[in-house]
Amino acid sequence: MRSSLRAATALGVVLFCSASAAGIALADDNPAGTGAVGDVSVAEQPDSVTGAQETQDAAGAYRGDVLVRFALVADAGFHFEAGTGKAAYTTRDGSGSYRSVTVGSAGAGYFKLDTRNLPDGRNTLDVTVTETPDDTGSGATAQTVSGTVGLTVANPSAVFTSPQAHALVWGATTYTVDAQPATGGSAIDHVDFYETALFTKNNKPRATDDTAPYTYTSTYSVMAYRPYVQAVAVDKDGYRSAPMSISVTATPGPTVTATTVSPRLAYGGADSMDIEWTAAVPYGWNRSYPNEVWLTKEEVTADGTTVRSYADGDNPFSPLQLRSEGHYTSTSWGDGLDTSAWKVGTHTVTVTVTDSTGAVGTASVQAVVTADKLTATAPGSVVLGKSVKVSGLLSTGTDRPLPFRSVSLQARPAGTTTWKTVATGSTDGSGLIALATKPARNESLRLVAAAGTKPVSAALKVSVSPKVTLKASATTVKRGATVKFSGSVSSQETGATVKLQVYRSGAWTTVASKAQSSTGQVTFTVAEKTRGTFTYRLLTTATTGFAAAHSSSVKITVN
């Protein structure tokens, strides 16, 4: 093995090549033989895209494209297949990390290398070429020979900082690049961005930004696809970085629609919440077999809690059930949801669909669980001692009768705040009920259901009228004679006002008034001084406990 420093060629200048103890040794993985990759050298090349001639900087660092040359010496019994050989190289930077790239057409003793793919600074290039045995029947196998060369690299660099590679994007999307100058090189002048038409000799950049942070904004709003964006940093001397690429997934997510035929529900699960939905991968993806993008998951939530979940390849009874060919790019499905645990009020049911890109689409519907209803009717007034019948209908909020449910009749005496149960019963097969009570005074009555949402009917006011009687000591008397009127009031309200009235000139006129006793008895004495027939009655005024009432009329004839 030997070392050499080669002279300049038409393609450029030799960088470095050594096989002595003083330099980096050429390697040979067949120590017993003579095969080697020798005389490894590096020469400058014109830029493969722009055509501009690259030059080393003042410190001898290489930029852009270089040509790696080497002499191939096969071991005895082996040969190289010219034009078809492979050369793999690894770079070893100061941190000791390794990167490998396979390069074609190394069998001819050279290959082109873009130094922009190497880290700035000193790199060690290990060139390895495979040699093939001359006699394939001898049992010998192909083996490799290698050589080594060192080179210093100084190129501008560009790195995408956002979005992340393969990120899901939609609408206005901003790409941000961090561009750094080469070690010892000039400052960054600008960054060129390419999309659709990528970085080549004849393509113009989609946008250029000369101010850090370097950004480019593209808007995705028509169809789903995978945009591919490149960025190239250019320094003030015109040297460029390697084109840095990023691919994202532009998608609005699956298209989802949801409907329900049951937006109003009875409490207690009497009604199921029936929901139907459709889902499809968004416009832009291939929907025929073989599938480019497909639906992977469909989930139904009620108020944020998952109640149904289906996945690609499910067993039957799933919108994504296993199929013999391909996946689903669209589905149509429906479910009836149990509502027995749903409270009265509005509930939101959401269908969330995920496709194989990870994009999500949703659609929601709302349903209202209605409270049970209890209506009641009753007479508005009653005579003290008589029964009042309260009739009611118990039904769901969706007007479905609730049969055989316990219902109570409650009363609240006027002037009080407490409701007391005065009767109980059950609805019949049609949800109807009738309960009776005898009010002892003015009351409010209502019906109360014992189960479900325990509805309460509107309060019904019932006025209680006392029974009033009036008697005269005589029905015919002489002018000036006295007549004694005796009356009774069944309410027996001590102190309640009772009036004796006579009908004259088309109106009732009070003759006298008294407070009734605790027995409800009252007496009046009247002496008529005018001949004629006179009509009298006894009137009780309204109180908190009772309505106003009057007796039957009593006629007196005065001669």
Protein backbone atom coordinates (compact mmCIF):
# COMPACT_ATOMS: atom_id res chain seq x y z
CA MET A 1 0.00 0.00 0.00
CA ARG A 2 1.20 3.57 -0.64
CA SER A 3 0.32 7.22 -0.28
CA SER A 4 0.25 9.99 -2.81
CA LEU A 5 -0.74 13.62 -3.26
CA ARG A 6 -2.05 13.89 -6.76
CA ALA A 7 -1.63 16.82 -9.09
CA ALA A 8 -4.45 19.12 -10.25
CA THR A 9 -6.71 17.76 -12.96
CA ALA A 10 -9.15 19.36 -15.35
CA LEU A 11 -11.94 18.55 -12.89
CA GLY A 12 -10.38 20.18 -9.86
CA VAL A 13 -7.74 19.84 -7.19
CA VAL A 14 -6.83 16.72 -5.24
CA LEU A 15 -7.73 17.19 -1.57
CA PHE A 16 -6.01 14.45 0.39
CA CYS A 17 -5.11 10.79 0.13
CA SER A 18 -2.82 8.79 2.38
CA ALA A 19 -1.86 5.22 3.27
CA SER A 20 1.18 5.93 5.42
CA ALA A 21 1.58 6.12 9.15
CA ALA A 22 1.75 9.88 8.84
CA GLY A 23 -1.76 10.09 7.31
CA ILE A 24 -4.99 8.17 7.25
CA ALA A 25 -4.26 4.58 6.18
CA LEU A 26 -5.91 2.84 3.27
CA ALA A 27 -7.91 -0.14 4.49
CA ASP A 28 -7.99 -3.68 3.17
CA ASP A 29 -10.32 -6.30 4.62
CA ASN A 30 -8.24 -9.07 3.10
CA PRO A 31 -4.84 -8.66 4.81
CA ALA A 32 -3.48 -11.85 3.27
CA GLY A 33 -4.09 -10.59 -0.26
CA THR A 34 -3.23 -7.52 -2.27
CA GLY A 35 -6.72 -6.21 -3.10
CA ALA A 36 -7.26 -2.55 -2.23
CA VAL A 37 -8.98 0.71 -2.98
CA GLY A 38 -5.90 2.84 -3.50
CA ASP A 39 -4.98 6.39 -4.39
CA VAL A 40 -8.27 7.78 -3.04
CA SER A 41 -8.57 11.46 -3.91
CA VAL A 42 -11.14 14.26 -3.97
CA ALA A 43 -11.51 16.88 -6.71
CA GLU A 44 -13.84 19.87 -7.06
CA GLN A 45 -16.84 19.68 -9.40
CA PRO A 46 -19.23 22.20 -10.93
CA ASP A 47 -22.55 22.54 -9.06
CA SER A 48 -24.82 19.79 -10.41
CA VAL A 49 -27.85 22.11 -10.46
CA THR A 50 -26.61 25.62 -11.14
CA GLY A 51 -23.52 24.67 -13.13
CA ALA A 52 -21.38 27.13 -11.16
CA GLN A 53 -17.81 26.01 -10.43
CA GLU A 54 -17.34 25.25 -6.73
CA THR A 55 -14.04 26.28 -5.12
CA GLN A 56 -12.38 25.52 -1.83
CA ASP A 57 -12.46 28.27 0.75
CA ALA A 58 -9.32 29.91 2.13
CA ALA A 59 -8.96 27.20 4.75
CA GLY A 60 -9.09 24.45 2.12
CA ALA A 61 -12.61 23.33 2.96
CA TYR A 62 -14.73 21.88 0.17
CA ARG A 63 -18.18 23.10 -0.85
CA GLY A 64 -20.87 21.55 -2.97
CA ASP A 65 -20.10 18.69 -5.36
CA VAL A 66 -16.77 16.82 -5.46
CA LEU A 67 -15.47 13.86 -7.43
CA VAL A 68 -14.00 10.95 -5.45
CA ARG A 69 -11.44 8.91 -7.43
CA PHE A 70 -9.60 5.75 -6.50
CA ALA A 71 -7.59 2.91 -8.02
CA LEU A 72 -9.04 -0.58 -7.74
CA VAL A 73 -6.68 -3.52 -7.10
CA ALA A 74 -8.43 -6.91 -6.90
CA ASP A 75 -7.16 -9.81 -4.80
CA ALA A 76 -5.87 -12.88 -6.61
CA GLY A 77 -8.82 -14.88 -7.94
CA PHE A 78 -11.18 -11.89 -7.74
CA HIS A 79 -12.26 -9.12 -10.10
CA PHE A 80 -14.33 -5.96 -10.15
CA GLU A 81 -17.34 -5.71 -12.44
CA ALA A 82 -16.71 -2.33 -14.06
CA GLY A 83 -19.65 0.04 -14.10
CA THR A 84 -21.78 -2.09 -11.81
CA GLY A 85 -19.86 -1.99 -8.57
CA LYS A 86 -21.09 -0.23 -5.45
CA ALA A 87 -19.31 2.16 -3.11
CA ALA A 88 -20.58 2.82 0.38
CA TYR A 89 -19.16 5.56 2.55
CA THR A 90 -19.52 6.59 6.16
CA THR A 91 -18.60 9.94 7.61
CA ARG A 92 -17.03 10.27 11.00
CA ASP A 93 -17.35 13.74 12.48
CA GLY A 94 -15.91 14.96 15.75
CA SER A 95 -18.67 13.28 17.75
CA GLY A 96 -17.82 9.87 16.31
CA SER A 97 -21.22 9.44 14.67
CA TYR A 98 -21.59 7.44 11.46
CA ARG A 99 -23.81 7.84 8.41
CA SER A 100 -23.93 5.50 5.42
CA VAL A 101 -24.90 6.14 1.81
CA THR A 102 -24.69 3.73 -1.11
CA VAL A 103 -23.35 5.21 -4.36
CA GLY A 104 -23.68 3.56 -7.78
CA SER A 105 -21.14 3.15 -10.61
CA ALA A 106 -18.17 2.81 -8.27
CA GLY A 107 -16.78 -0.10 -10.25
CA ALA A 108 -15.23 2.39 -12.67
CA GLY A 109 -13.09 3.86 -9.88
CA TYR A 110 -14.96 7.09 -9.12
CA PHE A 111 -18.25 8.53 -7.90
CA LYS A 112 -19.67 11.98 -7.36
CA LEU A 113 -20.34 13.16 -3.81
CA ASP A 114 -22.41 16.14 -2.63
CA THR A 115 -20.58 17.47 0.41
CA ARG A 116 -23.71 19.32 1.49
CA ASN A 117 -24.87 16.02 2.91
CA LEU A 118 -21.86 15.92 5.23
CA PRO A 119 -21.51 17.83 8.50
CA ASP A 120 -19.33 20.92 8.48
CA GLY A 121 -15.76 20.29 9.57
CA ARG A 122 -13.35 17.43 9.15
CA ASN A 123 -14.83 14.21 7.75
CA THR A 124 -13.33 10.81 7.08
CA LEU A 125 -14.58 9.04 3.97
CA ASP A 126 -14.39 5.23 3.93
CA VAL A 127 -14.75 3.96 0.35
CA THR A 128 -15.69 0.29 0.11
CA VAL A 129 -16.03 -1.72 -3.11
CA THR A 130 -17.13 -5.32 -3.55
CA GLU A 131 -14.94 -7.75 -5.53
CA THR A 132 -16.35 -10.89 -7.09
CA PRO A 133 -14.60 -14.30 -7.24
CA ASP A 134 -13.41 -15.35 -10.70
CA ASP A 135 -14.48 -18.97 -10.15
CA THR A 136 -17.97 -19.03 -8.67
CA GLY A 137 -17.69 -22.79 -8.22
CA SER A 138 -14.61 -22.60 -6.05
CA GLY A 139 -16.63 -21.88 -2.93
CA ALA A 140 -15.17 -18.37 -2.60
CA THR A 141 -17.63 -15.59 -1.82
CA ALA A 142 -17.71 -11.94 -2.72
CA GLN A 143 -15.79 -9.69 -0.36
CA THR A 144 -14.96 -6.02 0.00
CA VAL A 145 -11.82 -3.92 -0.20
CA SER A 146 -11.66 -0.37 1.05
CA GLY A 147 -9.68 2.84 1.24
CA THR A 148 -9.90 6.04 3.21
CA VAL A 149 -9.65 9.75 2.53
CA GLY A 150 -10.18 12.81 4.73
CA LEU A 151 -11.81 16.07 3.69
CA THR A 152 -12.95 19.24 5.37
CA VAL A 153 -16.45 20.47 4.48
CA ALA A 154 -17.95 23.97 4.79
CA ASN A 155 -21.47 24.46 3.39
CA PRO A 156 -24.46 26.57 4.40
CA SER A 157 -27.24 24.52 6.01
CA ALA A 158 -31.01 24.70 6.23
CA VAL A 159 -33.31 22.83 8.60
CA PHE A 160 -37.12 22.94 8.80
CA THR A 161 -38.20 23.80 12.33
CA SER A 162 -41.94 23.71 11.65
CA PRO A 163 -44.20 22.04 10.90
CA GLN A 164 -43.06 18.56 11.88
CA ALA A 165 -42.51 16.08 9.07
CA HIS A 166 -45.72 14.27 8.11
CA ALA A 167 -47.79 16.68 10.22
CA LEU A 168 -51.49 17.05 9.41
CA VAL A 169 -52.18 20.52 8.04
CA TRP A 170 -55.06 22.39 6.44
CA GLY A 171 -55.68 25.98 5.46
CA ALA A 172 -52.83 28.48 5.69
CA THR A 173 -49.67 26.58 6.65
CA THR A 174 -46.40 28.33 7.42
CA TYR A 175 -43.08 26.56 6.91
CA THR A 176 -40.18 27.89 9.00
CA VAL A 177 -36.50 27.24 8.27
CA ASP A 178 -33.41 27.77 10.38
CA ALA A 179 -30.53 28.61 8.00
CA GLN A 180 -26.90 28.74 9.16
CA PRO A 181 -23.81 29.85 7.24
CA ALA A 182 -20.87 27.54 6.62
CA THR A 183 -18.09 27.52 9.18
CA GLY A 184 -15.90 30.43 8.17
CA GLY A 185 -18.29 31.25 5.33
CA SER A 186 -20.32 34.36 4.56
CA ALA A 187 -23.70 35.15 6.13
CA ILE A 188 -26.95 33.74 4.78
CA ASP A 189 -28.38 35.96 2.07
CA HIS A 190 -31.77 34.29 1.57
CA VAL A 191 -33.68 31.03 1.55
CA ASP A 192 -35.49 29.76 -1.52
CA PHE A 193 -38.61 27.62 -1.11
CA TYR A 194 -39.83 25.12 -3.69
CA GLU A 195 -43.17 23.30 -3.84
CA THR A 196 -44.72 21.14 -6.59
CA ALA A 197 -41.83 22.02 -8.93
CA LEU A 198 -38.85 20.99 -6.79
CA PHE A 199 -35.26 22.23 -6.76
CA THR A 200 -33.67 21.63 -10.16
CA LYS A 201 -31.58 23.67 -12.57
CA ASN A 202 -34.56 25.07 -14.48
CA ASN A 203 -37.14 25.50 -11.74
CA LYS A 204 -37.72 28.83 -10.08
CA PRO A 205 -38.46 28.97 -6.35
CA ARG A 206 -42.07 29.37 -5.26
CA ALA A 207 -40.98 31.99 -2.74
CA THR A 208 -37.83 33.63 -1.36
CA ASP A 209 -37.32 35.07 2.11
CA ASP A 210 -34.29 37.15 3.04
CA THR A 211 -35.16 37.78 6.70
CA ALA A 212 -34.76 35.30 9.54
CA PRO A 213 -36.73 33.41 10.62
CA TYR A 214 -37.16 32.31 7.02
CA THR A 215 -40.78 31.39 6.28
CA TYR A 216 -43.05 30.38 3.45
CA THR A 217 -46.84 30.09 3.68
CA SER A 218 -48.93 27.82 1.49
CA THR A 219 -52.71 27.44 1.72
CA TYR A 220 -54.38 24.06 1.36
CA SER A 221 -58.16 24.24 0.92
CA VAL A 222 -59.27 22.31 -2.15
CA MET A 223 -58.27 18.69 -1.80
CA ALA A 224 -56.31 16.31 0.35
CA TYR A 225 -52.80 15.35 -0.76
CA ARG A 226 -49.20 15.20 0.46
CA PRO A 227 -47.35 18.43 -0.34
CA TYR A 228 -43.58 18.25 -0.69
CA VAL A 229 -41.65 21.41 0.13
CA GLN A 230 -37.93 22.08 -0.23
CA ALA A 231 -35.76 24.85 1.17
CA VAL A 232 -32.32 25.93 -0.06
CA ALA A 233 -30.19 28.40 1.89
CA VAL A 234 -27.89 30.65 -0.15
CA ASP A 235 -25.03 32.65 1.40
CA LYS A 236 -23.82 36.04 0.28
CA ASP A 237 -21.06 34.43 -1.81
CA GLY A 238 -23.68 32.48 -3.73
CA TYR A 239 -22.96 29.08 -2.20
CA ARG A 240 -26.06 27.04 -1.46
CA SER A 241 -27.00 24.40 1.05
CA ALA A 242 -28.26 20.96 0.17
CA PRO A 243 -32.01 21.15 -0.57
CA MET A 244 -33.81 20.19 2.64
CA SER A 245 -37.18 18.53 2.10
CA ILE A 246 -40.27 18.08 4.19
CA SER A 247 -43.47 16.24 3.44
CA VAL A 248 -46.75 16.94 5.25
CA THR A 249 -50.29 15.68 4.86
CA ALA A 250 -52.76 18.35 3.81
CA THR A 251 -56.22 17.15 4.75
CA PRO A 252 -59.43 18.53 6.21
CA GLY A 253 -60.09 15.15 7.77
CA PRO A 254 -62.87 12.70 6.89
CA THR A 255 -66.22 14.10 5.80
CA VAL A 256 -68.86 13.19 8.37
CA THR A 257 -72.62 13.85 8.48
CA ALA A 258 -74.98 12.85 11.28
CA THR A 259 -78.78 12.96 11.62
CA THR A 260 -81.39 11.78 14.10
CA VAL A 261 -85.10 11.05 13.77
CA SER A 262 -85.59 11.30 17.52
CA PRO A 263 -84.57 14.77 18.70
CA ARG A 264 -87.11 14.60 21.57
CA LEU A 265 -86.94 11.69 23.99
CA ALA A 266 -88.95 10.42 26.92
CA TYR A 267 -87.23 10.24 30.28
CA GLY A 268 -86.16 6.86 31.63
CA GLY A 269 -85.10 5.18 28.40
CA ALA A 270 -88.58 4.65 26.99
CA ASP A 271 -87.20 6.07 23.72
CA SER A 272 -83.85 5.15 22.17
CA MET A 273 -81.79 7.84 20.55
CA ASP A 274 -81.56 6.76 16.90
CA ILE A 275 -78.60 8.24 15.03
CA GLU A 276 -77.43 7.70 11.47
CA TRP A 277 -74.16 8.87 9.95
CA THR A 278 -72.06 8.76 6.83
CA ALA A 279 -68.29 9.06 6.62
CA ALA A 280 -65.80 9.25 3.77
CA VAL A 281 -62.13 10.06 3.27
CA PRO A 282 -61.83 13.62 1.97
CA TYR A 283 -61.75 14.56 -1.68
CA GLY A 284 -58.30 14.08 -3.13
CA TRP A 285 -57.47 10.60 -1.87
CA ASN A 286 -57.97 7.65 -4.18
CA ARG A 287 -61.21 5.93 -3.03
CA SER A 288 -60.87 2.87 -5.23
CA TYR A 289 -58.84 -0.27 -4.55
CA PRO A 290 -55.98 -0.37 -3.70
CA ASN A 291 -56.72 2.27 -1.11
CA GLU A 292 -54.42 5.23 -0.63
CA VAL A 293 -56.14 6.40 2.56
CA TRP A 294 -58.95 4.63 4.39
CA LEU A 295 -61.17 4.93 7.44
CA THR A 296 -59.65 3.33 10.54
CA LYS A 297 -61.97 4.23 13.41
CA GLU A 298 -65.51 5.45 14.03
CA GLU A 299 -66.56 6.46 17.52
CA VAL A 300 -69.84 7.70 18.97
CA THR A 301 -69.88 9.71 22.18
CA ALA A 302 -72.81 10.98 24.23
CA ASP A 303 -71.91 14.09 26.18
CA GLY A 304 -68.23 13.15 25.89
CA THR A 305 -68.61 9.52 26.98
CA THR A 306 -67.87 6.83 24.40
CA VAL A 307 -70.92 4.64 23.75
CA ARG A 308 -69.88 3.01 20.45
CA SER A 309 -66.46 2.31 18.97
CA TYR A 310 -65.66 0.60 15.67
CA ALA A 311 -62.23 -0.15 14.19
CA ASP A 312 -60.92 -1.20 10.79
CA GLY A 313 -61.20 -4.98 10.46
CA ASP A 314 -63.92 -5.43 13.09
CA ASN A 315 -66.14 -8.46 13.19
CA PRO A 316 -69.61 -8.17 11.57
CA PHE A 317 -72.12 -5.59 12.79
CA SER A 318 -69.64 -2.79 12.34
CA PRO A 319 -69.36 -0.08 9.68
CA LEU A 320 -65.69 -1.08 9.37
CA GLN A 321 -66.15 -4.85 9.49
CA LEU A 322 -63.51 -7.09 7.98
CA ARG A 323 -63.68 -7.35 4.20
CA SER A 324 -61.84 -9.56 1.78
CA GLU A 325 -60.36 -6.79 -0.35
CA GLY A 326 -59.04 -3.44 0.76
CA HIS A 327 -60.39 -1.08 3.36
CA TYR A 328 -63.38 1.22 3.65
CA THR A 329 -63.07 4.71 2.20
CA SER A 330 -66.72 5.50 2.94
CA THR A 331 -69.39 4.11 5.26
CA SER A 332 -73.04 4.58 6.13
CA TRP A 333 -74.26 3.33 9.51
CA GLY A 334 -76.85 3.80 12.22
CA ASP A 335 -77.25 2.96 15.90
CA GLY A 336 -79.94 3.13 18.55
CA LEU A 337 -78.49 4.46 21.80
CA ASP A 338 -79.77 3.53 25.24
CA THR A 339 -81.03 6.67 27.00
CA SER A 340 -82.11 5.13 30.32
CA ALA A 341 -79.34 6.95 32.20
CA TRP A 342 -79.82 10.28 30.48
CA LYS A 343 -81.05 13.15 32.60
CA VAL A 344 -83.67 15.64 31.57
CA GLY A 345 -82.14 18.27 29.28
CA THR A 346 -80.15 18.60 26.07
CA HIS A 347 -77.61 15.92 25.15
CA THR A 348 -74.98 16.08 22.40
CA VAL A 349 -74.09 12.97 20.42
CA THR A 350 -70.89 13.23 18.37
CA VAL A 351 -69.55 10.92 15.68
CA THR A 352 -65.75 11.09 15.35
CA VAL A 353 -64.11 9.41 12.37
CA THR A 354 -60.37 8.86 11.94
CA ASP A 355 -58.60 7.91 8.71
CA SER A 356 -55.26 6.22 8.14
CA THR A 357 -53.41 9.56 8.04
CA GLY A 358 -54.55 10.25 11.59
CA ALA A 359 -56.86 13.05 10.44
CA VAL A 360 -60.18 13.36 12.23
CA GLY A 361 -63.65 14.50 11.16
CA THR A 362 -66.67 15.00 13.39
CA ALA A 363 -70.39 15.67 13.22
CA SER A 364 -72.84 16.20 16.09
CA VAL A 365 -76.57 16.07 16.70
CA GLN A 366 -78.56 17.02 19.77
CA ALA A 367 -81.48 15.37 21.49
CA VAL A 368 -83.62 16.64 24.35
CA VAL A 369 -84.78 14.33 27.12
CA THR A 370 -88.14 15.71 28.21
CA ALA A 371 -89.62 15.56 31.69
CA ASP A 372 -92.79 13.60 32.39
CA LYS A 373 -96.00 15.63 32.38
CA LEU A 374 -98.94 15.57 34.82
CA THR A 375 -102.02 17.64 34.10
CA ALA A 376 -105.00 18.12 36.44
CA THR A 377 -108.50 19.59 36.33
CA ALA A 378 -111.05 20.24 39.12
CA PRO A 379 -114.10 22.44 39.80
CA GLY A 380 -113.16 25.91 40.88
CA SER A 381 -115.64 26.04 43.78
CA VAL A 382 -117.52 23.73 46.11
CA VAL A 383 -119.92 23.97 49.00
CA LEU A 384 -118.47 23.14 52.37
CA GLY A 385 -118.94 19.45 53.11
CA LYS A 386 -119.06 18.39 49.46
CA SER A 387 -116.33 16.36 47.68
CA VAL A 388 -114.07 17.71 44.95
CA LYS A 389 -112.87 15.33 42.24
CA VAL A 390 -109.46 16.04 40.70
CA SER A 391 -108.86 14.35 37.34
CA GLY A 392 -105.37 13.95 35.86
CA LEU A 393 -103.32 12.54 32.99
CA LEU A 394 -99.74 11.30 33.47
CA SER A 395 -97.61 11.05 30.31
CA THR A 396 -94.05 11.27 29.06
CA GLY A 397 -92.70 14.50 27.67
CA THR A 398 -93.35 12.98 24.25
CA ASP A 399 -97.05 12.47 25.13
CA ARG A 400 -96.91 8.74 25.71
CA PRO A 401 -99.32 7.74 28.56
CA LEU A 402 -97.69 6.32 31.68
CA PRO A 403 -99.99 3.58 33.02
CA PHE A 404 -100.11 2.11 36.51
CA ARG A 405 -98.02 4.81 38.15
CA SER A 406 -98.60 5.97 41.72
CA VAL A 407 -100.03 9.49 42.05
CA SER A 408 -100.92 11.53 45.16
CA LEU A 409 -103.43 14.31 45.65
CA GLN A 410 -102.04 17.08 47.83
CA ALA A 411 -103.81 20.02 49.45
CA ARG A 412 -102.56 23.31 50.82
CA PRO A 413 -105.13 25.25 52.90
CA ALA A 414 -105.36 28.95 52.13
CA GLY A 415 -103.04 31.01 54.28
CA THR A 416 -100.55 28.16 54.76
CA THR A 417 -97.40 27.02 52.92
CA THR A 418 -97.38 23.29 53.57
CA TRP A 419 -98.68 20.68 51.17
CA LYS A 420 -100.28 17.58 52.67
CA THR A 421 -101.27 14.36 50.94
CA VAL A 422 -105.02 13.81 51.16
CA ALA A 423 -105.45 10.87 48.73
CA THR A 424 -103.37 8.42 46.67
CA GLY A 425 -104.04 6.16 43.71
CA SER A 426 -102.63 4.78 40.45
CA THR A 427 -103.12 5.72 36.84
CA ASP A 428 -105.12 3.36 34.68
CA GLY A 429 -103.93 1.77 31.46
CA SER A 430 -104.34 5.09 29.67
CA GLY A 431 -102.41 7.13 32.23
CA LEU A 432 -105.63 8.64 33.69
CA ILE A 433 -106.38 9.11 37.37
CA ALA A 434 -109.20 10.61 39.49
CA LEU A 435 -108.88 11.38 43.20
CA ALA A 436 -111.35 13.10 45.53
CA THR A 437 -111.20 15.15 48.73
CA LYS A 438 -113.57 17.20 50.93
CA PRO A 439 -111.97 20.60 51.49
CA ALA A 440 -112.61 22.08 54.96
CA ARG A 441 -111.86 25.58 53.70
CA ASN A 442 -110.38 27.34 50.67
CA GLU A 443 -107.54 25.19 49.31
CA SER A 444 -105.06 24.71 46.50
CA LEU A 445 -104.94 21.17 45.12
CA ARG A 446 -102.32 19.43 42.98
CA LEU A 447 -101.33 15.99 41.73
CA VAL A 448 -97.83 14.58 42.32
CA ALA A 449 -96.32 11.52 40.58
CA ALA A 450 -94.14 9.26 42.70
CA ALA A 451 -91.75 8.00 40.01
CA GLY A 452 -89.95 9.06 36.83
CA THR A 453 -89.18 12.75 36.91
CA LYS A 454 -91.87 13.07 39.62
CA PRO A 455 -93.87 15.69 37.79
CA VAL A 456 -96.24 17.96 39.72
CA SER A 457 -99.36 19.36 38.17
CA ALA A 458 -100.21 23.03 38.27
CA ALA A 459 -101.96 24.05 41.51
CA LEU A 460 -105.73 24.38 41.27
CA LYS A 461 -107.50 26.83 43.53
CA VAL A 462 -110.81 25.62 44.96
CA SER A 463 -113.08 28.11 46.72
CA VAL A 464 -115.18 26.65 49.55
CA SER A 465 -118.51 28.33 50.21
CA PRO A 466 -120.24 27.82 53.56
CA LYS A 467 -123.88 26.78 53.61
CA VAL A 468 -126.01 29.76 54.74
CA THR A 469 -129.63 29.58 55.94
CA LEU A 470 -132.15 32.28 56.97
CA LYS A 471 -135.56 32.00 58.68
CA ALA A 472 -138.13 34.69 59.65
CA SER A 473 -140.35 34.53 62.75
CA ALA A 474 -143.33 35.45 60.56
CA THR A 475 -143.98 35.87 56.86
CA THR A 476 -146.96 38.33 57.25
CA VAL A 477 -146.97 41.13 59.78
CA LYS A 478 -148.66 44.43 60.43
CA ARG A 479 -146.87 47.65 59.70
CA GLY A 480 -144.46 48.52 62.51
CA ALA A 481 -144.42 45.03 63.97
CA THR A 482 -141.04 43.39 64.52
CA VAL A 483 -139.79 40.34 62.69
CA LYS A 484 -137.00 38.18 64.07
CA PHE A 485 -134.53 36.71 61.49
CA SER A 486 -132.44 33.71 62.55
CA GLY A 487 -129.51 32.58 60.45
CA SER A 488 -126.78 29.96 60.46
CA VAL A 489 -123.39 29.74 58.64
CA SER A 490 -121.75 26.30 58.37
CA SER A 491 -118.20 27.68 58.33
CA GLN A 492 -118.62 28.69 61.96
CA GLU A 493 -115.91 31.33 61.72
CA THR A 494 -115.95 33.30 64.91
CA GLY A 495 -115.99 36.98 64.15
CA ALA A 496 -116.67 36.62 60.43
CA THR A 497 -119.06 39.34 59.22
CA VAL A 498 -122.63 38.35 58.41
CA LYS A 499 -125.02 40.81 56.78
CA LEU A 500 -128.81 40.93 56.61
CA GLN A 501 -129.80 42.46 53.29
CA VAL A 502 -133.11 43.57 51.69
CA TYR A 503 -133.78 43.95 48.02
CA ARG A 504 -134.99 47.44 47.15
CA SER A 505 -134.94 49.53 44.02
CA GLY A 506 -133.19 46.83 42.06
CA ALA A 507 -130.28 46.31 44.48
CA TRP A 508 -129.43 44.53 47.68
CA THR A 509 -129.05 46.86 50.61
CA THR A 510 -127.51 45.91 53.95
CA VAL A 511 -129.96 46.41 56.82
CA ALA A 512 -127.64 45.23 59.58
CA SER A 513 -124.40 43.30 60.09
CA LYS A 514 -122.98 41.22 62.89
CA ALA A 515 -120.03 38.94 63.66
CA GLN A 516 -121.04 35.31 63.68
CA SER A 517 -120.49 33.21 66.75
CA SER A 518 -118.39 30.09 67.08
CA THR A 519 -121.54 28.10 66.40
CA GLY A 520 -122.23 30.03 63.22
CA GLN A 521 -125.57 31.32 64.59
CA VAL A 522 -126.77 34.91 64.16
CA THR A 523 -130.10 36.81 64.80
CA PHE A 524 -131.52 40.12 63.56
CA THR A 525 -134.76 42.02 64.49
CA VAL A 526 -136.42 44.26 61.89
CA ALA A 527 -139.59 46.46 62.05
CA GLU A 528 -140.91 47.42 58.62
CA LYS A 529 -142.89 50.69 58.59
CA THR A 530 -143.97 50.50 54.98
CA ARG A 531 -146.67 48.31 53.56
CA GLY A 532 -145.55 45.83 50.88
CA THR A 533 -143.67 42.64 50.24
CA PHE A 534 -139.98 42.63 51.01
CA THR A 535 -137.22 40.11 50.17
CA TYR A 536 -134.42 39.42 52.64
CA ARG A 537 -131.26 37.28 52.57
CA LEU A 538 -128.26 36.55 54.78
CA LEU A 539 -124.81 37.25 53.28
CA THR A 540 -121.35 36.12 54.53
CA THR A 541 -118.40 38.12 53.30
CA ALA A 542 -115.28 36.43 51.88
CA THR A 543 -112.48 35.56 54.26
CA THR A 544 -109.12 33.88 53.88
CA GLY A 545 -110.69 30.56 54.65
CA PHE A 546 -113.98 30.77 52.79
CA ALA A 547 -115.65 32.33 49.81
CA ALA A 548 -118.60 34.72 50.15
CA ALA A 549 -122.02 33.03 50.25
CA HIS A 550 -125.63 33.92 50.82
CA SER A 551 -128.81 32.21 51.91
CA SER A 552 -131.96 31.62 49.98
CA SER A 553 -134.34 34.60 49.90
CA VAL A 554 -137.07 35.04 52.50
CA LYS A 555 -140.16 37.18 51.66
CA ILE A 556 -142.07 39.24 54.27
CA THR A 557 -145.46 40.84 53.60
CA VAL A 558 -146.33 43.95 55.61
CA ASN A 559 -150.06 44.98 55.86
